């Protein structure tokens, strides 16, 4: 899914540099990984995923299946 976020010029420059270092054309994967790690770290402290739990049943079957598939793909790349 696409979204818009505002970051400082310094952060954008650092993201571009890291993407180039990793051989990536853009920094979307880096941002996704950063957000994932942030949420996992805060899940332990604040129960950030409880919001997702409260949303159970609010999606249609197709949207839920698509989201489940995306989550499964992301989990394949999670560090052990």
N, C-alpha and C. Protein backbone atom coordinates (compact mmCIF):
# COMPACT_ATOMS: atom_id res chain seq x y z
N UNK A 1 0.84 -1.16 0.00
CA UNK A 1 0.00 0.00 0.00
C UNK A 1 0.90 1.24 0.00
N UNK A 2 0.51 2.23 -0.73
CA UNK A 2 1.27 3.48 -0.76
C UNK A 2 0.75 4.42 0.31
N UNK A 3 1.67 5.22 0.86
CA UNK A 3 1.30 6.24 1.82
C UNK A 3 2.29 7.38 1.72
N UNK A 4 1.96 8.48 2.31
CA UNK A 4 2.84 9.64 2.30
C UNK A 4 3.27 9.94 3.73
N UNK A 5 4.57 10.12 3.92
CA UNK A 5 5.09 10.51 5.22
C UNK A 5 6.04 11.68 5.02
N UNK A 6 6.19 12.48 6.05
CA UNK A 6 7.10 13.61 5.97
C UNK A 6 8.33 13.29 6.82
N UNK A 7 9.52 13.41 6.20
CA UNK A 7 10.78 13.17 6.89
C UNK A 7 11.71 14.34 6.61
N UNK A 8 12.66 14.54 7.49
CA UNK A 8 13.64 15.61 7.29
C UNK A 8 14.54 15.27 6.11
N UNK A 9 15.15 16.30 5.56
CA UNK A 9 16.07 16.10 4.43
C UNK A 9 17.22 15.17 4.82
N UNK A 10 17.69 15.29 6.07
CA UNK A 10 18.79 14.43 6.53
C UNK A 10 18.38 12.96 6.52
N UNK A 11 17.16 12.68 6.98
CA UNK A 11 16.68 11.28 7.00
C UNK A 11 16.51 10.75 5.57
N UNK A 12 15.98 11.56 4.69
CA UNK A 12 15.80 11.15 3.29
C UNK A 12 17.15 10.84 2.67
N UNK A 13 18.14 11.69 2.91
CA UNK A 13 19.48 11.47 2.37
C UNK A 13 20.07 10.17 2.91
N UNK A 14 19.89 9.93 4.20
CA UNK A 14 20.41 8.70 4.80
C UNK A 14 19.71 7.47 4.23
N UNK A 15 18.40 7.55 4.02
CA UNK A 15 17.65 6.44 3.43
C UNK A 15 18.11 6.15 2.01
N UNK A 16 18.30 7.21 1.22
CA UNK A 16 18.79 7.04 -0.15
C UNK A 16 20.17 6.38 -0.15
N UNK A 17 21.04 6.84 0.73
CA UNK A 17 22.40 6.28 0.79
C UNK A 17 22.36 4.80 1.17
N UNK A 18 21.52 4.45 2.14
CA UNK A 18 21.40 3.05 2.55
C UNK A 18 20.82 2.20 1.44
N UNK A 19 19.84 2.72 0.74
CA UNK A 19 19.24 1.98 -0.37
C UNK A 19 20.28 1.71 -1.45
N UNK A 20 21.08 2.70 -1.78
CA UNK A 20 22.12 2.52 -2.79
C UNK A 20 23.12 1.47 -2.31
N UNK A 21 23.50 1.55 -1.05
CA UNK A 21 24.45 0.59 -0.47
C UNK A 21 23.92 -0.84 -0.56
N UNK A 22 22.59 -0.99 -0.42
CA UNK A 22 21.97 -2.31 -0.47
C UNK A 22 21.58 -2.72 -1.90
N UNK A 23 21.85 -1.83 -2.86
CA UNK A 23 21.51 -2.15 -4.25
C UNK A 23 20.04 -2.01 -4.57
N UNK A 24 19.33 -1.20 -3.82
CA UNK A 24 17.90 -1.01 -4.04
C UNK A 24 17.68 0.33 -4.72
N UNK A 25 16.66 0.39 -5.57
CA UNK A 25 16.37 1.62 -6.30
C UNK A 25 15.71 2.68 -5.42
N UNK A 26 14.93 2.27 -4.48
CA UNK A 26 14.24 3.19 -3.58
C UNK A 26 14.42 2.72 -2.15
N UNK A 27 13.76 3.40 -1.23
CA UNK A 27 13.92 3.04 0.17
C UNK A 27 12.64 2.51 0.81
N UNK A 28 11.69 2.09 0.00
CA UNK A 28 10.43 1.56 0.54
C UNK A 28 10.66 0.33 1.41
N UNK A 29 11.50 -0.58 0.96
CA UNK A 29 11.76 -1.80 1.75
C UNK A 29 12.42 -1.45 3.07
N UNK A 30 13.33 -0.49 3.04
CA UNK A 30 14.00 -0.07 4.27
C UNK A 30 13.00 0.53 5.24
N UNK A 31 12.10 1.36 4.73
CA UNK A 31 11.08 1.97 5.58
C UNK A 31 10.14 0.91 6.16
N UNK A 32 9.75 -0.05 5.33
CA UNK A 32 8.86 -1.11 5.81
C UNK A 32 9.54 -1.90 6.93
N UNK A 33 10.80 -2.23 6.73
CA UNK A 33 11.55 -2.97 7.74
C UNK A 33 11.68 -2.14 9.02
N UNK A 34 11.94 -0.85 8.89
CA UNK A 34 12.08 0.02 10.07
C UNK A 34 10.77 0.09 10.85
N UNK A 35 9.66 0.26 10.16
CA UNK A 35 8.37 0.34 10.83
C UNK A 35 8.04 -0.99 11.50
N UNK A 36 8.32 -2.08 10.82
CA UNK A 36 8.07 -3.41 11.38
C UNK A 36 8.84 -3.60 12.68
N UNK A 37 10.12 -3.25 12.67
CA UNK A 37 10.94 -3.38 13.88
C UNK A 37 10.44 -2.46 14.99
N UNK A 38 10.04 -1.27 14.63
CA UNK A 38 9.51 -0.32 15.61
C UNK A 38 8.27 -0.91 16.28
N UNK A 39 7.36 -1.42 15.48
CA UNK A 39 6.13 -1.99 16.04
C UNK A 39 6.41 -3.22 16.90
N UNK A 40 7.32 -4.06 16.46
CA UNK A 40 7.66 -5.24 17.25
C UNK A 40 8.27 -4.85 18.59
N UNK A 41 9.16 -3.85 18.58
CA UNK A 41 9.77 -3.39 19.83
C UNK A 41 8.72 -2.82 20.78
N UNK A 42 7.79 -2.05 20.24
CA UNK A 42 6.78 -1.42 21.09
C UNK A 42 5.64 -2.36 21.46
N UNK A 43 5.49 -3.42 20.72
CA UNK A 43 4.45 -4.40 21.06
C UNK A 43 4.69 -4.95 22.46
N UNK A 44 5.96 -5.21 22.76
CA UNK A 44 6.31 -5.77 24.06
C UNK A 44 6.01 -4.78 25.18
N UNK A 45 6.26 -3.49 24.91
CA UNK A 45 6.11 -2.48 25.94
C UNK A 45 4.68 -1.95 26.06
N UNK A 46 4.02 -1.74 24.93
CA UNK A 46 2.75 -1.02 24.95
C UNK A 46 1.57 -1.79 24.38
N UNK A 47 1.80 -3.00 23.88
CA UNK A 47 0.72 -3.74 23.28
C UNK A 47 0.20 -3.11 22.01
N UNK A 48 1.11 -2.61 21.16
CA UNK A 48 0.72 -1.88 19.95
C UNK A 48 -0.18 -2.72 19.05
N UNK A 49 0.00 -4.01 19.06
CA UNK A 49 -0.80 -4.86 18.17
C UNK A 49 -2.20 -5.08 18.70
N UNK A 50 -2.49 -4.62 19.91
CA UNK A 50 -3.86 -4.77 20.42
C UNK A 50 -4.85 -4.01 19.55
N UNK A 51 -4.38 -2.95 18.90
CA UNK A 51 -5.24 -2.19 17.98
C UNK A 51 -5.69 -3.11 16.85
N UNK A 52 -4.77 -3.90 16.33
CA UNK A 52 -5.11 -4.83 15.25
C UNK A 52 -6.13 -5.84 15.76
N UNK A 53 -5.94 -6.31 16.97
CA UNK A 53 -6.88 -7.26 17.54
C UNK A 53 -8.29 -6.70 17.65
N UNK A 54 -8.42 -5.44 18.00
CA UNK A 54 -9.74 -4.82 18.11
C UNK A 54 -10.41 -4.65 16.76
N UNK A 55 -9.62 -4.69 15.68
CA UNK A 55 -10.18 -4.52 14.34
C UNK A 55 -10.75 -5.83 13.79
N UNK A 56 -10.53 -6.92 14.48
CA UNK A 56 -10.99 -8.23 14.01
C UNK A 56 -12.48 -8.17 13.65
N UNK A 57 -12.78 -8.64 12.46
CA UNK A 57 -14.16 -8.67 12.00
C UNK A 57 -14.60 -7.41 11.27
N UNK A 58 -13.74 -6.40 11.23
CA UNK A 58 -14.15 -5.16 10.56
C UNK A 58 -13.79 -5.15 9.08
N UNK A 59 -13.03 -6.13 8.62
CA UNK A 59 -12.66 -6.23 7.21
C UNK A 59 -13.54 -7.27 6.53
N UNK A 60 -13.73 -7.10 5.23
CA UNK A 60 -14.42 -8.11 4.45
C UNK A 60 -13.49 -9.30 4.23
N UNK A 61 -14.04 -10.41 3.77
CA UNK A 61 -13.26 -11.63 3.59
C UNK A 61 -12.11 -11.44 2.61
N UNK A 62 -12.36 -10.73 1.51
CA UNK A 62 -11.30 -10.52 0.51
C UNK A 62 -10.17 -9.67 1.07
N UNK A 63 -10.51 -8.59 1.74
CA UNK A 63 -9.50 -7.71 2.32
C UNK A 63 -8.70 -8.43 3.41
N UNK A 64 -9.37 -9.24 4.21
CA UNK A 64 -8.69 -10.00 5.25
C UNK A 64 -7.73 -11.01 4.64
N UNK A 65 -8.15 -11.70 3.59
CA UNK A 65 -7.29 -12.68 2.94
C UNK A 65 -6.06 -12.02 2.32
N UNK A 66 -6.26 -10.86 1.70
CA UNK A 66 -5.14 -10.13 1.10
C UNK A 66 -4.15 -9.67 2.17
N UNK A 67 -4.68 -9.16 3.27
CA UNK A 67 -3.82 -8.70 4.36
C UNK A 67 -3.07 -9.87 4.98
N UNK A 68 -3.74 -10.99 5.17
CA UNK A 68 -3.10 -12.18 5.73
C UNK A 68 -1.96 -12.63 4.82
N UNK A 69 -2.18 -12.61 3.52
CA UNK A 69 -1.15 -13.02 2.57
C UNK A 69 0.07 -12.09 2.66
N UNK A 70 -0.17 -10.78 2.74
CA UNK A 70 0.93 -9.81 2.86
C UNK A 70 1.70 -10.02 4.15
N UNK A 71 0.99 -10.26 5.24
CA UNK A 71 1.66 -10.49 6.52
C UNK A 71 2.53 -11.75 6.48
N UNK A 72 2.02 -12.80 5.86
CA UNK A 72 2.80 -14.03 5.73
C UNK A 72 4.07 -13.80 4.92
N UNK A 73 3.98 -12.99 3.87
CA UNK A 73 5.16 -12.66 3.07
C UNK A 73 6.17 -11.87 3.90
N UNK A 74 5.68 -10.90 4.70
CA UNK A 74 6.57 -10.11 5.54
C UNK A 74 7.26 -10.98 6.58
N UNK A 75 6.53 -11.93 7.14
CA UNK A 75 7.10 -12.78 8.20
C UNK A 75 8.22 -13.66 7.69
N UNK A 76 8.22 -13.96 6.40
CA UNK A 76 9.31 -14.76 5.84
C UNK A 76 10.64 -14.05 5.97
N UNK A 77 10.62 -12.71 6.00
CA UNK A 77 11.84 -11.92 6.07
C UNK A 77 12.17 -11.42 7.47
N UNK A 78 11.36 -11.76 8.46
CA UNK A 78 11.61 -11.31 9.82
C UNK A 78 12.83 -12.00 10.37
N UNK A 79 13.65 -11.28 11.13
CA UNK A 79 14.81 -11.92 11.75
C UNK A 79 14.35 -12.91 12.82
N UNK A 80 15.14 -13.92 13.00
CA UNK A 80 14.78 -14.97 13.99
C UNK A 80 15.00 -14.53 15.41
